[in-house]
Amino acid sequence: MHRVFLLGIDGATFDLLSPWMDAGHLPNLTRLTQEGAWGELESTRPPTTAPAWVACVTGVNPGQHGVFDFRESPFVDPRRPLISSRSVSAPALWHILSHHGRQLGLLNVPVTYPPQPVTGFVVADMLSPGPESGYTFPSELRDELNARGYVIDVEIQKYDVQTEADAHRFLDDVEAATQKRAQALFHLMDTRPWQFLMAVFVAADRIQHLFWKTLADPESVSYRAPAAPRLRQRILGIYRAIDDLVGQVMARADADGSTDLFVVSDHGFGSTKAWINVNRWLQQQGWLRLKPGAALRKRLFYEAMILNDSSLVRRLLPESLGRAVRRRIRGQRSVFKTDLDQCIDWTRTKAWFASIPAQGVYINVRREGNGIVEPGAEYEALRRQIRDDLLALADPRGGQPIVDRVWFREELYHGAQTRFAPDLLFVARDYSYLGRELLGTRGAVETSMNSANGFHRMNGIFLAYGPHVRRGVRVAGAKIVDVAPTVLFDLDLPVPTNMDGRVLIDALQPGFVAAHPLRQTVPLAWAGRGGDPGYTDNEHAQVQGRLAALGYIE
């Protein structure tokens, strides 16, 4: 029986891979472009990990699947708990395949914790608290993986990568975790039956969040730092290991002759050139108010962060003292609930910016006794005013507008969950100017060039290889919602009519396409949201720490 292997490389982008491929460093990915089909894969807007991967496996936009962030929408739950597999309001590939009786396996696919029953196995993702949690289905698989030293995720928050020694320690641990995941993958492939298998590897994303400017931004001081050549060489070694993994999967596909391999990423990557302190800007516009005393507390914390980011201070402070300061700042870094619930005066606030992943502004509309903006004319007038003022927002360093486009939520999304999205969403200089929620800042727009960080872009990757795939063709216009219907079509299964994506016919052999006309079917009945994942306080803190270390929570 024909099989499909869907390999995710979180954060992978041809912007980084193509030069290495041209230089001969990544022979297996190069072979995929020569002997298969490939092209860029457009992410969701904004290009954020959780909504993008959920769109990949459901084939629908966030307005249908309901995931806009790593936290629940404030319109779903004002406490904004972390999302989980129960937050997804559309059936995923594994639900559809289980419905058709196909054997399947999932390894580290984002937003699969807690794991749900399938006709096969699930090893959940970074939202799993730790090795003692119920991160597998069936449950006994957990002990089998733990005995093999499986690593759920590297705890980024424990490293101070501004020091070279810790940077290399972090990279060593990322590579070791990747090797353990690869070992688990091949063990599961060999010991479990499967007709669909999906595994996601996250090393590229973790590295690029912390080292993008070191890798790929010659304008940055991080790229020119004395340690940068050594770090680039070490990082290239990890990408070569990922390429080796791709080669091993290709060899297995060649050996059985009945497996198509799809390699995808959820988004691309690029430098974060500047921060847009959106809540500070909303304060300046008169739409957000803080409680007495909150502004001073946040300003003091913010000034400590700025001092820490100063290249002069880094040079003058002894390394041990610098490490202690950064550890203190990381430990005290504010989180959403502390900032908004304790600092914002909701009785006088009309709009606020919730989070980096959502890249949007929520309006404090009156509902169920809360909120101060009246629905209807007042709401629409305020939305238009915020949109127009965002488009006029200028960079103080040059006076030029920085916001490329602003959307009302219904202009980006469609479906029953659209009402839970931010009221407005925006993109500034192709996400190189990144909105953040931090309170207490000096100005609305500030540089981020003193840190090595990067963040997501729209251009992910798509590669395909196997008996049903055309050889040496470039696929244009592929979107992340196209992956799920393409997988179903490749497995000769009907595509649900609610999927927003299309089958990527251009990637597939014409003979196969002609012999298998597209069939469609009604979508599975789906119960919708099912509540929070049931974390203990310690588990919640652990998962939240991972997300904060990646810049998803401030």
Protein backbone atom coordinates (compact mmCIF):
# COMPACT_ATOMS: atom_id res chain seq x y z
CA MET A 1 0.00 0.00 0.00
CA HIS A 2 1.18 3.51 -0.81
CA ARG A 3 2.52 5.55 2.13
CA VAL A 4 3.28 9.22 2.85
CA PHE A 5 6.00 10.58 5.12
CA LEU A 6 5.52 14.24 6.05
CA LEU A 7 8.73 15.67 7.49
CA GLY A 8 8.56 19.09 9.13
CA ILE A 9 11.67 21.24 9.56
CA ASP A 10 10.40 24.04 11.75
CA GLY A 11 11.51 27.48 10.55
CA ALA A 12 13.42 26.24 7.49
CA THR A 13 13.87 28.80 4.71
CA PHE A 14 15.59 28.72 1.35
CA ASP A 15 17.08 32.11 2.27
CA LEU A 16 19.49 30.15 4.46
CA LEU A 17 19.44 26.72 2.83
CA SER A 18 19.99 27.72 -0.80
CA PRO A 19 23.48 29.23 -0.33
CA TRP A 20 24.55 26.15 1.63
CA MET A 21 23.03 23.89 -1.02
CA ASP A 22 24.90 25.78 -3.75
CA ALA A 23 28.12 25.36 -1.76
CA GLY A 24 27.61 21.58 -1.53
CA HIS A 25 26.95 21.48 2.21
CA LEU A 26 23.45 19.95 2.01
CA PRO A 27 23.58 17.22 -0.65
CA ASN A 28 20.31 15.50 0.26
CA LEU A 29 18.17 18.62 0.16
CA THR A 30 19.90 19.47 -3.12
CA ARG A 31 18.98 16.04 -4.45
CA LEU A 32 15.36 16.65 -3.49
CA THR A 33 15.26 19.75 -5.69
CA GLN A 34 16.87 17.86 -8.57
CA GLU A 35 14.86 14.64 -8.39
CA GLY A 36 11.61 15.92 -6.92
CA ALA A 37 9.35 18.96 -6.77
CA TRP A 38 10.07 22.04 -4.70
CA GLY A 39 9.19 25.66 -4.05
CA GLU A 40 8.44 28.19 -1.36
CA LEU A 41 5.48 27.54 0.94
CA GLU A 42 3.49 30.57 2.04
CA SER A 43 2.68 30.59 5.76
CA THR A 44 -0.34 31.92 7.60
CA ARG A 45 -0.61 35.60 8.54
CA PRO A 46 1.02 36.24 10.85
CA PRO A 47 3.60 33.49 10.19
CA THR A 48 3.46 32.02 13.68
CA THR A 49 4.32 28.44 14.64
CA ALA A 50 1.08 27.34 16.28
CA PRO A 51 -1.48 28.62 13.76
CA ALA A 52 0.78 27.72 10.82
CA TRP A 53 1.33 24.08 11.78
CA VAL A 54 -2.34 23.69 12.63
CA ALA A 55 -3.20 25.11 9.19
CA CYS A 56 -0.74 22.63 7.65
CA VAL A 57 -2.43 19.58 9.16
CA THR A 58 -6.06 20.76 8.94
CA GLY A 59 -5.96 22.42 5.52
CA VAL A 60 -7.96 25.37 6.86
CA ASN A 61 -7.23 28.95 7.84
CA PRO A 62 -7.14 30.14 11.49
CA GLY A 63 -10.69 31.45 11.11
CA GLN A 64 -11.76 27.83 10.91
CA HIS A 65 -9.22 26.07 13.15
CA GLY A 66 -9.29 28.73 15.90
CA VAL A 67 -5.58 28.91 16.85
CA PHE A 68 -4.10 32.42 16.65
CA ASP A 69 -1.41 32.31 19.30
CA PHE A 70 0.21 30.07 21.91
CA ARG A 71 -2.43 31.39 24.32
CA GLU A 72 -6.15 31.28 23.97
CA SER A 73 -7.81 34.38 22.61
CA PRO A 74 -8.98 36.77 25.35
CA PHE A 75 -12.39 36.50 23.69
CA VAL A 76 -12.36 32.73 24.40
CA ASP A 77 -10.99 32.97 27.95
CA PRO A 78 -9.92 36.29 29.53
CA ARG A 79 -7.34 34.41 31.63
CA ARG A 80 -5.58 33.42 28.37
CA PRO A 81 -4.42 29.90 29.27
CA LEU A 82 -1.94 28.15 27.02
CA ILE A 83 -3.43 26.40 24.01
CA SER A 84 -3.46 22.64 23.58
CA SER A 85 -4.68 20.02 21.13
CA ARG A 86 -8.13 20.66 22.55
CA SER A 87 -8.03 24.25 21.28
CA VAL A 88 -8.18 23.17 17.63
CA SER A 89 -11.65 23.56 16.14
CA ALA A 90 -11.13 21.52 12.96
CA PRO A 91 -10.20 17.89 12.34
CA ALA A 92 -6.56 17.24 11.47
CA LEU A 93 -5.08 14.75 9.03
CA TRP A 94 -4.81 12.10 11.73
CA HIS A 95 -8.49 12.34 12.59
CA ILE A 96 -9.41 11.98 8.92
CA LEU A 97 -6.98 9.10 8.39
CA SER A 98 -8.17 7.34 11.54
CA HIS A 99 -11.73 7.72 10.24
CA HIS A 100 -10.60 5.86 7.10
CA GLY A 101 -8.84 3.19 9.15
CA ARG A 102 -5.31 4.11 8.08
CA GLN A 103 -2.40 3.35 10.39
CA LEU A 104 -0.44 6.46 11.31
CA GLY A 105 2.15 7.96 13.60
CA LEU A 106 2.96 11.48 14.85
CA LEU A 107 6.25 12.60 16.37
CA ASN A 108 6.60 16.10 17.85
CA VAL A 109 3.90 17.67 15.70
CA PRO A 110 3.06 21.09 17.22
CA VAL A 111 -0.18 21.46 19.17
CA THR A 112 -0.71 17.74 19.78
CA TYR A 113 -0.51 17.82 23.59
CA PRO A 114 -2.39 16.24 25.23
CA PRO A 115 -2.28 13.44 22.64
CA GLN A 116 -5.59 12.25 21.27
CA PRO A 117 -6.46 8.66 20.35
CA VAL A 118 -5.64 7.69 16.75
CA THR A 119 -5.22 4.49 14.76
CA GLY A 120 -1.53 4.41 15.59
CA PHE A 121 0.70 6.43 17.89
CA VAL A 122 1.31 10.03 18.97
CA VAL A 123 4.39 11.54 20.59
CA ALA A 124 3.34 15.08 21.48
CA ASP A 125 5.20 18.36 21.10
CA MET A 126 6.88 21.16 23.07
CA LEU A 127 3.60 21.89 24.87
CA SER A 128 4.21 18.63 26.76
CA PRO A 129 5.49 19.58 30.22
CA GLY A 130 8.14 16.90 30.66
CA PRO A 131 9.09 13.23 30.43
CA GLU A 132 6.76 12.23 33.29
CA SER A 133 3.71 13.81 31.67
CA GLY A 134 1.27 11.89 29.51
CA TYR A 135 2.87 12.97 26.25
CA THR A 136 2.24 9.79 24.26
CA PHE A 137 -0.60 7.73 22.89
CA PRO A 138 -0.77 4.95 23.76
CA SER A 139 0.39 5.84 27.25
CA GLU A 140 2.85 2.95 27.55
CA LEU A 141 4.90 4.40 24.69
CA ARG A 142 6.15 7.08 27.09
CA ASP A 143 8.23 4.67 29.16
CA GLU A 144 9.63 3.11 26.00
CA LEU A 145 10.85 6.50 24.75
CA ASN A 146 12.06 7.71 28.14
CA ALA A 147 14.21 4.59 28.42
CA ARG A 148 15.83 5.58 25.13
CA GLY A 149 16.61 9.09 26.44
CA TYR A 150 14.06 10.91 24.30
CA VAL A 151 14.15 14.71 24.75
CA ILE A 152 10.84 16.58 24.43
CA ASP A 153 12.55 19.94 23.94
CA VAL A 154 15.68 21.82 24.93
CA GLU A 155 14.96 24.18 27.82
CA ILE A 156 16.33 27.32 26.15
CA GLN A 157 15.71 29.51 29.17
CA LYS A 158 18.59 27.93 31.10
CA TYR A 159 21.26 29.08 28.64
CA ASP A 160 22.90 32.50 28.44
CA VAL A 161 23.81 32.41 24.74
CA GLN A 162 25.33 35.90 24.88
CA THR A 163 28.44 34.12 26.18
CA GLU A 164 30.26 31.92 23.68
CA ALA A 165 30.65 29.03 26.10
CA ASP A 166 26.91 28.86 26.79
CA ALA A 167 26.13 29.33 23.11
CA HIS A 168 28.16 26.24 22.24
CA ARG A 169 26.62 24.33 25.16
CA PHE A 170 23.18 25.23 23.84
CA LEU A 171 24.10 24.11 20.32
CA ASP A 172 25.54 20.85 21.63
CA ASP A 173 22.31 20.13 23.49
CA VAL A 174 20.16 21.05 20.47
CA GLU A 175 22.13 18.65 18.31
CA ALA A 176 21.93 15.90 20.94
CA ALA A 177 18.15 16.36 21.23
CA THR A 178 17.87 16.19 17.44
CA GLN A 179 19.81 12.94 17.37
CA LYS A 180 17.58 11.46 20.07
CA ARG A 181 14.49 12.46 18.07
CA ALA A 182 15.93 10.89 14.93
CA GLN A 183 16.67 7.68 16.82
CA ALA A 184 13.09 7.64 18.16
CA LEU A 185 11.75 8.26 14.66
CA PHE A 186 13.56 5.32 13.08
CA HIS A 187 12.73 3.08 16.04
CA LEU A 188 9.04 3.86 15.65
CA MET A 189 9.19 3.44 11.88
CA ASP A 190 10.69 -0.01 12.35
CA THR A 191 8.44 -1.23 15.15
CA ARG A 192 5.00 0.22 14.29
CA PRO A 193 2.87 -0.17 11.19
CA TRP A 194 2.12 3.09 9.38
CA GLN A 195 0.67 4.40 6.15
CA PHE A 196 1.10 8.04 7.16
CA LEU A 197 3.90 9.32 9.34
CA MET A 198 4.59 12.92 10.35
CA ALA A 199 7.61 14.08 12.33
CA VAL A 200 8.71 17.65 13.06
CA PHE A 201 12.29 18.63 13.87
CA VAL A 202 12.75 22.00 15.57
CA ALA A 203 16.52 22.58 15.74
CA ALA A 204 16.55 25.12 12.89
CA ASP A 205 13.84 27.21 14.50
CA ARG A 206 15.52 27.21 17.91
CA ILE A 207 18.87 28.20 16.43
CA GLN A 208 17.48 30.92 14.18
CA HIS A 209 15.51 32.58 16.96
CA LEU A 210 18.74 33.10 18.90
CA PHE A 211 21.39 33.37 16.18
CA TRP A 212 19.81 34.64 12.97
CA LYS A 213 21.86 37.82 12.83
CA THR A 214 25.00 35.83 13.63
CA LEU A 215 24.18 33.56 10.70
CA ALA A 216 22.79 35.80 8.01
CA ASP A 217 22.76 39.55 8.73
CA PRO A 218 26.07 41.27 7.83
CA GLU A 219 24.64 44.60 9.02
CA SER A 220 24.51 43.31 12.59
CA VAL A 221 27.24 43.57 15.21
CA SER A 222 26.43 39.92 16.00
CA TYR A 223 27.54 38.86 12.52
CA ARG A 224 30.88 40.63 12.94
CA ALA A 225 31.53 39.51 16.54
CA PRO A 226 34.79 37.59 17.15
CA ALA A 227 32.88 34.42 18.04
CA ALA A 228 30.60 34.58 14.98
CA PRO A 229 32.76 32.53 12.54
CA ARG A 230 33.08 29.73 15.11
CA LEU A 231 29.35 29.79 15.83
CA ARG A 232 28.47 29.76 12.13
CA GLN A 233 30.65 26.72 11.56
CA ARG A 234 29.14 24.91 14.55
CA ILE A 235 25.60 25.75 13.40
CA LEU A 236 26.30 24.57 9.86
CA GLY A 237 27.25 21.21 11.37
CA ILE A 238 23.75 20.90 12.84
CA TYR A 239 22.12 21.71 9.50
CA ARG A 240 24.31 19.05 7.92
CA ALA A 241 22.96 16.61 10.52
CA ILE A 242 19.41 17.59 9.49
CA ASP A 243 20.39 17.02 5.86
CA ASP A 244 21.72 13.57 6.82
CA LEU A 245 18.36 12.81 8.42
CA VAL A 246 16.62 13.76 5.16
CA GLY A 247 18.98 11.44 3.32
CA GLN A 248 18.16 8.54 5.62
CA VAL A 249 14.43 9.05 5.09
CA MET A 250 14.98 9.24 1.30
CA ALA A 251 16.94 5.99 1.41
CA ARG A 252 14.10 4.25 3.20
CA ALA A 253 11.61 5.64 0.68
CA ASP A 254 13.80 4.37 -2.18
CA ALA A 255 14.08 0.95 -0.54
CA ASP A 256 10.35 0.29 -0.27
CA GLY A 257 9.44 2.06 -3.53
CA SER A 258 5.96 2.98 -2.27
CA THR A 259 6.54 6.05 -0.07
CA ASP A 260 6.23 9.70 -1.05
CA LEU A 261 8.22 12.13 1.09
CA PHE A 262 7.04 15.70 1.67
CA VAL A 263 9.36 18.13 3.47
CA VAL A 264 7.78 21.36 4.70
CA SER A 265 8.34 24.22 7.12
CA ASP A 266 5.77 26.32 8.90
CA HIS A 267 7.41 29.66 8.08
CA GLY A 268 10.65 31.27 7.02
CA PHE A 269 12.98 33.50 9.00
CA GLY A 270 14.69 36.89 9.00
CA SER A 271 16.25 39.55 11.20
CA THR A 272 14.29 41.49 13.77
CA LYS A 273 15.46 45.01 12.95
CA ALA A 274 13.25 46.92 15.35
CA TRP A 275 10.53 46.57 17.95
CA ILE A 276 7.18 48.29 17.73
CA ASN A 277 6.07 48.81 21.32
CA VAL A 278 2.42 48.72 20.39
CA ASN A 279 1.00 49.19 23.87
CA ARG A 280 3.23 52.24 24.36
CA TRP A 281 1.94 53.59 21.05
CA LEU A 282 -1.65 52.91 22.10
CA GLN A 283 -0.93 54.84 25.30
CA GLN A 284 0.36 57.77 23.29
CA GLN A 285 -2.81 57.70 21.18
CA GLY A 286 -4.97 57.72 24.32
CA TRP A 287 -6.47 54.27 23.76
CA LEU A 288 -4.68 52.44 26.59
CA ARG A 289 -4.35 53.54 30.21
CA LEU A 290 -2.26 52.06 33.04
CA LYS A 291 -3.13 51.85 36.70
CA PRO A 292 -1.28 54.24 39.05
CA GLY A 293 2.22 53.01 39.82
CA ALA A 294 2.26 50.39 37.08
CA ALA A 295 4.00 52.63 34.58
CA LEU A 296 6.90 53.31 36.95
CA ARG A 297 7.40 49.62 37.77
CA LYS A 298 7.40 48.66 34.12
CA ARG A 299 9.71 51.55 33.22
CA LEU A 300 12.30 50.44 35.77
CA PHE A 301 12.23 46.87 34.45
CA TYR A 302 12.45 48.09 30.87
CA GLU A 303 15.46 50.31 31.64
CA ALA A 304 17.23 47.26 33.09
CA MET A 305 16.56 45.40 29.84
CA ILE A 306 17.92 48.29 27.76
CA LEU A 307 21.02 48.45 29.93
CA ASN A 308 21.53 44.73 29.45
CA ASP A 309 21.26 45.10 25.64
CA SER A 310 23.83 47.90 25.50
CA SER A 311 26.99 46.80 23.68
CA LEU A 312 29.01 49.26 25.78
CA VAL A 313 27.72 47.80 29.03
CA ARG A 314 28.45 44.30 27.77
CA ARG A 315 32.05 45.26 27.12
CA LEU A 316 32.53 47.00 30.47
CA LEU A 317 30.80 44.52 32.78
CA PRO A 318 32.77 41.47 33.90
CA GLU A 319 31.27 38.38 32.28
CA SER A 320 30.21 36.86 35.61
CA LEU A 321 28.34 40.02 36.57
CA GLY A 322 26.76 40.28 33.12
CA ARG A 323 25.53 36.70 33.40
CA ALA A 324 24.02 37.42 36.80
CA VAL A 325 22.21 40.52 35.48
CA ARG A 326 20.81 38.64 32.47
CA ARG A 327 19.70 35.75 34.69
CA ARG A 328 17.89 38.20 36.94
CA ILE A 329 16.17 39.86 33.98
CA ARG A 330 15.11 36.53 32.50
CA GLY A 331 13.71 35.46 35.86
CA GLN A 332 11.72 38.66 36.26
CA ARG A 333 10.59 38.97 32.64
CA SER A 334 6.93 39.88 32.65
CA VAL A 335 4.23 37.66 31.23
CA PHE A 336 0.90 38.50 29.69
CA LYS A 337 -1.29 38.03 32.74
CA THR A 338 0.98 40.12 34.98
CA ASP A 339 1.25 42.93 32.45
CA LEU A 340 -2.36 43.27 31.43
CA ASP A 341 -4.37 42.09 34.39
CA GLN A 342 -2.34 43.99 36.96
CA CYS A 343 -1.17 47.01 35.00
CA ILE A 344 -3.83 48.05 32.50
CA ASP A 345 -6.82 50.06 33.65
CA TRP A 346 -9.52 48.21 31.78
CA THR A 347 -12.18 50.78 32.71
CA ARG A 348 -10.38 53.37 30.55
CA THR A 349 -8.67 51.20 27.92
CA LYS A 350 -10.17 50.88 24.46
CA ALA A 351 -7.49 48.79 22.72
CA TRP A 352 -4.41 46.72 23.55
CA PHE A 353 -1.78 44.57 21.89
CA ALA A 354 -1.82 41.05 23.27
CA SER A 355 1.27 39.18 22.09
CA ILE A 356 4.12 38.80 19.63
CA PRO A 357 2.67 35.65 17.97
CA ALA A 358 -0.70 37.29 17.27
CA GLN A 359 0.71 40.58 15.83
CA GLY A 360 -2.62 42.26 16.29
CA VAL A 361 -4.66 44.75 18.29
CA TYR A 362 -7.70 43.75 20.30
CA ILE A 363 -10.50 46.22 20.97
CA ASN A 364 -12.06 46.25 24.43
CA VAL A 365 -15.58 45.93 23.07
CA ARG A 366 -18.48 45.66 25.48
CA ARG A 367 -19.61 42.07 25.93
CA GLU A 368 -21.10 40.18 28.85
CA GLY A 369 -20.70 43.12 31.19
CA ASN A 370 -17.06 43.80 30.28
CA GLY A 371 -15.44 46.23 27.89
CA ILE A 372 -16.07 49.91 27.19
CA VAL A 373 -16.31 50.21 23.38
CA GLU A 374 -19.86 49.90 22.12
CA PRO A 375 -20.41 47.39 19.30
CA GLY A 376 -21.49 48.88 16.01
CA ALA A 377 -20.67 52.42 14.97
CA GLU A 378 -18.22 53.20 17.81
CA TYR A 379 -16.35 49.92 17.27
CA GLU A 380 -16.09 50.39 13.50
CA ALA A 381 -14.95 54.00 13.81
CA LEU A 382 -12.25 53.04 16.31
CA ARG A 383 -11.04 50.18 14.10
CA ARG A 384 -10.72 52.50 11.13
CA GLN A 385 -8.88 55.10 13.22
CA ILE A 386 -6.39 52.58 14.59
CA ARG A 387 -5.79 51.23 11.08
CA ASP A 388 -5.17 54.67 9.64
CA ASP A 389 -2.87 55.70 12.49
CA LEU A 390 -0.87 52.46 12.26
CA LEU A 391 -0.33 53.07 8.56
CA ALA A 392 0.99 56.53 9.43
CA LEU A 393 3.37 55.26 12.14
CA ALA A 394 6.90 56.39 11.24
CA ASP A 395 10.38 55.26 12.19
CA PRO A 396 11.94 58.03 14.31
CA ARG A 397 15.34 57.32 12.75
CA GLY A 398 14.23 58.24 9.24
CA GLY A 399 10.70 59.49 9.39
CA GLN A 400 9.41 56.90 6.93
CA PRO A 401 6.23 54.87 7.50
CA ILE A 402 6.97 51.35 8.68
CA VAL A 403 3.63 49.49 8.53
CA ASP A 404 3.14 47.74 5.20
CA ARG A 405 -0.49 46.78 5.65
CA VAL A 406 -3.27 46.53 8.23
CA TRP A 407 -6.14 44.07 7.99
CA PHE A 408 -9.44 43.84 9.78
CA ARG A 409 -9.68 40.25 10.99
CA GLU A 410 -12.44 39.30 8.54
CA GLU A 411 -10.19 40.44 5.67
CA LEU A 412 -7.63 37.76 6.57
CA TYR A 413 -9.76 34.98 8.01
CA HIS A 414 -13.08 33.31 7.42
CA GLY A 415 -14.98 30.79 9.49
CA ALA A 416 -16.76 30.56 12.81
CA GLN A 417 -13.57 31.13 14.86
CA THR A 418 -12.73 34.46 13.18
CA ARG A 419 -14.53 36.32 15.96
CA PHE A 420 -11.76 35.23 18.37
CA ALA A 421 -8.94 36.75 16.31
CA PRO A 422 -7.41 40.19 17.02
CA ASP A 423 -9.66 42.92 15.66
CA LEU A 424 -6.80 44.28 13.55
CA LEU A 425 -3.62 42.58 12.34
CA PHE A 426 -0.62 44.25 10.72
CA VAL A 427 2.74 43.64 9.09
CA ALA A 428 5.61 46.13 9.34
CA ARG A 429 8.49 45.89 6.87
CA ASP A 430 7.85 42.24 6.18
CA TYR A 431 7.83 41.41 9.91
CA SER A 432 11.36 42.76 10.39
CA TYR A 433 9.71 45.43 12.56
CA LEU A 434 7.95 43.27 15.12
CA GLY A 435 5.11 44.32 17.37
CA ARG A 436 5.49 43.42 21.04
CA GLU A 437 3.39 43.91 24.16
CA LEU A 438 6.06 45.14 26.57
CA LEU A 439 4.92 47.96 28.86
CA GLY A 440 7.02 50.79 30.27
CA THR A 441 9.09 51.43 27.15
CA ARG A 442 10.54 54.80 26.17
CA GLY A 443 9.14 55.09 22.68
CA ALA A 444 6.90 53.37 20.18
CA VAL A 445 9.68 52.19 17.82
CA GLU A 446 13.12 51.07 18.98
CA THR A 447 16.03 49.25 17.42
CA SER A 448 16.63 45.54 17.91
CA MET A 449 19.98 45.46 16.13
CA ASN A 450 21.97 45.06 19.35
CA SER A 451 20.68 41.50 19.83
CA ALA A 452 21.21 38.49 17.57
CA ASN A 453 17.53 37.57 17.35
CA GLY A 454 15.45 36.66 14.35
CA PHE A 455 11.79 36.01 13.81
CA HIS A 456 9.42 34.49 11.32
CA ARG A 457 8.73 35.36 7.69
CA MET A 458 6.10 34.18 5.23
CA ASN A 459 8.35 32.03 3.02
CA GLY A 460 8.65 28.46 4.25
CA ILE A 461 9.81 25.49 2.19
CA PHE A 462 8.08 22.71 0.26
CA LEU A 463 9.86 19.69 -1.23
CA ALA A 464 8.42 16.40 -2.47
CA TYR A 465 10.02 13.15 -3.61
CA GLY A 466 8.78 9.68 -4.48
CA PRO A 467 6.91 7.52 -6.98
CA HIS A 468 3.93 9.88 -7.34
CA VAL A 469 6.08 13.04 -7.55
CA ARG A 470 7.36 14.80 -10.66
CA ARG A 471 11.11 15.13 -11.03
CA GLY A 472 13.00 18.42 -11.08
CA VAL A 473 10.04 20.81 -11.13
CA ARG A 474 9.57 24.02 -9.27
CA VAL A 475 6.13 24.51 -7.73
CA ALA A 476 4.82 28.08 -7.61
CA GLY A 477 2.18 29.53 -5.33
CA ALA A 478 2.06 26.76 -2.72
CA LYS A 479 0.47 27.66 0.62
CA ILE A 480 0.64 25.88 3.92
CA VAL A 481 -3.07 25.01 3.80
CA ASP A 482 -2.33 23.06 0.59
CA VAL A 483 -0.33 20.38 2.42
CA ALA A 484 -3.25 18.48 4.00
CA PRO A 485 -5.36 18.14 0.82
CA THR A 486 -2.25 17.15 -1.15
CA VAL A 487 -1.45 14.39 1.36
CA LEU A 488 -5.01 13.07 1.24
CA PHE A 489 -5.04 13.12 -2.57
CA ASP A 490 -1.68 11.34 -2.68
CA LEU A 491 -3.13 8.63 -0.42
CA ASP A 492 -6.14 8.34 -2.78
CA LEU A 493 -8.56 9.63 -0.17
CA PRO A 494 -11.31 12.22 -0.66
CA VAL A 495 -10.62 15.83 0.33
CA PRO A 496 -13.14 17.45 2.71
CA THR A 497 -15.02 20.34 1.13
CA ASN A 498 -14.23 22.70 4.01
CA MET A 499 -10.47 22.68 3.33
CA ASP A 500 -9.18 26.05 2.16
CA GLY A 501 -6.12 24.53 0.51
CA ARG A 502 -5.81 23.01 -2.95
CA VAL A 503 -4.12 19.83 -4.11
CA LEU A 504 -0.66 20.71 -5.44
CA ILE A 505 -1.22 18.98 -8.77
CA ASP A 506 1.91 20.54 -10.28
CA ALA A 507 4.05 18.52 -7.86
CA LEU A 508 2.55 15.16 -8.81
CA GLN A 509 3.04 12.82 -11.75
CA PRO A 510 0.49 13.53 -14.52
CA GLY A 511 -0.23 9.81 -14.91
CA PHE A 512 -1.10 9.46 -11.23
CA VAL A 513 -3.28 12.58 -11.33
CA ALA A 514 -5.12 11.35 -14.44
CA ALA A 515 -5.77 7.95 -12.91
CA HIS A 516 -7.04 9.40 -9.62
CA PRO A 517 -9.61 12.15 -10.20
CA LEU A 518 -10.12 14.47 -7.24
CA ARG A 519 -12.85 13.25 -4.94
CA GLN A 520 -14.43 15.41 -2.26
CA THR A 521 -16.43 14.62 0.82
CA VAL A 522 -18.24 16.36 3.63
CA PRO A 523 -15.96 17.25 6.58
CA LEU A 524 -15.93 15.12 9.69
CA ALA A 525 -18.32 16.17 12.41
CA TRP A 526 -16.23 18.01 14.97
CA ALA A 527 -17.07 18.93 18.53
CA GLY A 528 -14.87 22.02 18.67
CA ARG A 529 -13.04 23.35 21.68
CA GLY A 530 -12.59 21.03 24.62
CA GLY A 531 -10.92 23.05 27.36
CA ASP A 532 -7.41 23.53 28.70
CA PRO A 533 -4.73 20.80 28.88
CA GLY A 534 -4.95 20.43 32.65
CA TYR A 535 -1.43 21.54 33.55
CA THR A 536 -0.34 21.70 37.15
CA ASP A 537 1.17 25.04 38.21
CA ASN A 538 4.70 23.67 37.79
CA GLU A 539 3.92 22.20 34.37
CA HIS A 540 2.38 25.48 33.22
CA ALA A 541 5.47 27.38 34.36
CA GLN A 542 7.78 24.96 32.54
CA VAL A 543 5.96 25.21 29.20
CA GLN A 544 5.55 28.96 29.56
CA GLY A 545 9.31 29.28 30.16
CA ARG A 546 10.04 27.56 26.85
CA LEU A 547 7.70 29.89 24.99
CA ALA A 548 9.18 32.96 26.67
CA ALA A 549 12.71 31.88 25.75
CA LEU A 550 11.65 31.79 22.09
CA GLY A 551 10.15 35.28 22.30
CA TYR A 552 6.53 34.10 22.08
CA ILE A 553 5.64 35.46 25.53
CA GLU A 554 7.02 38.56 27.23
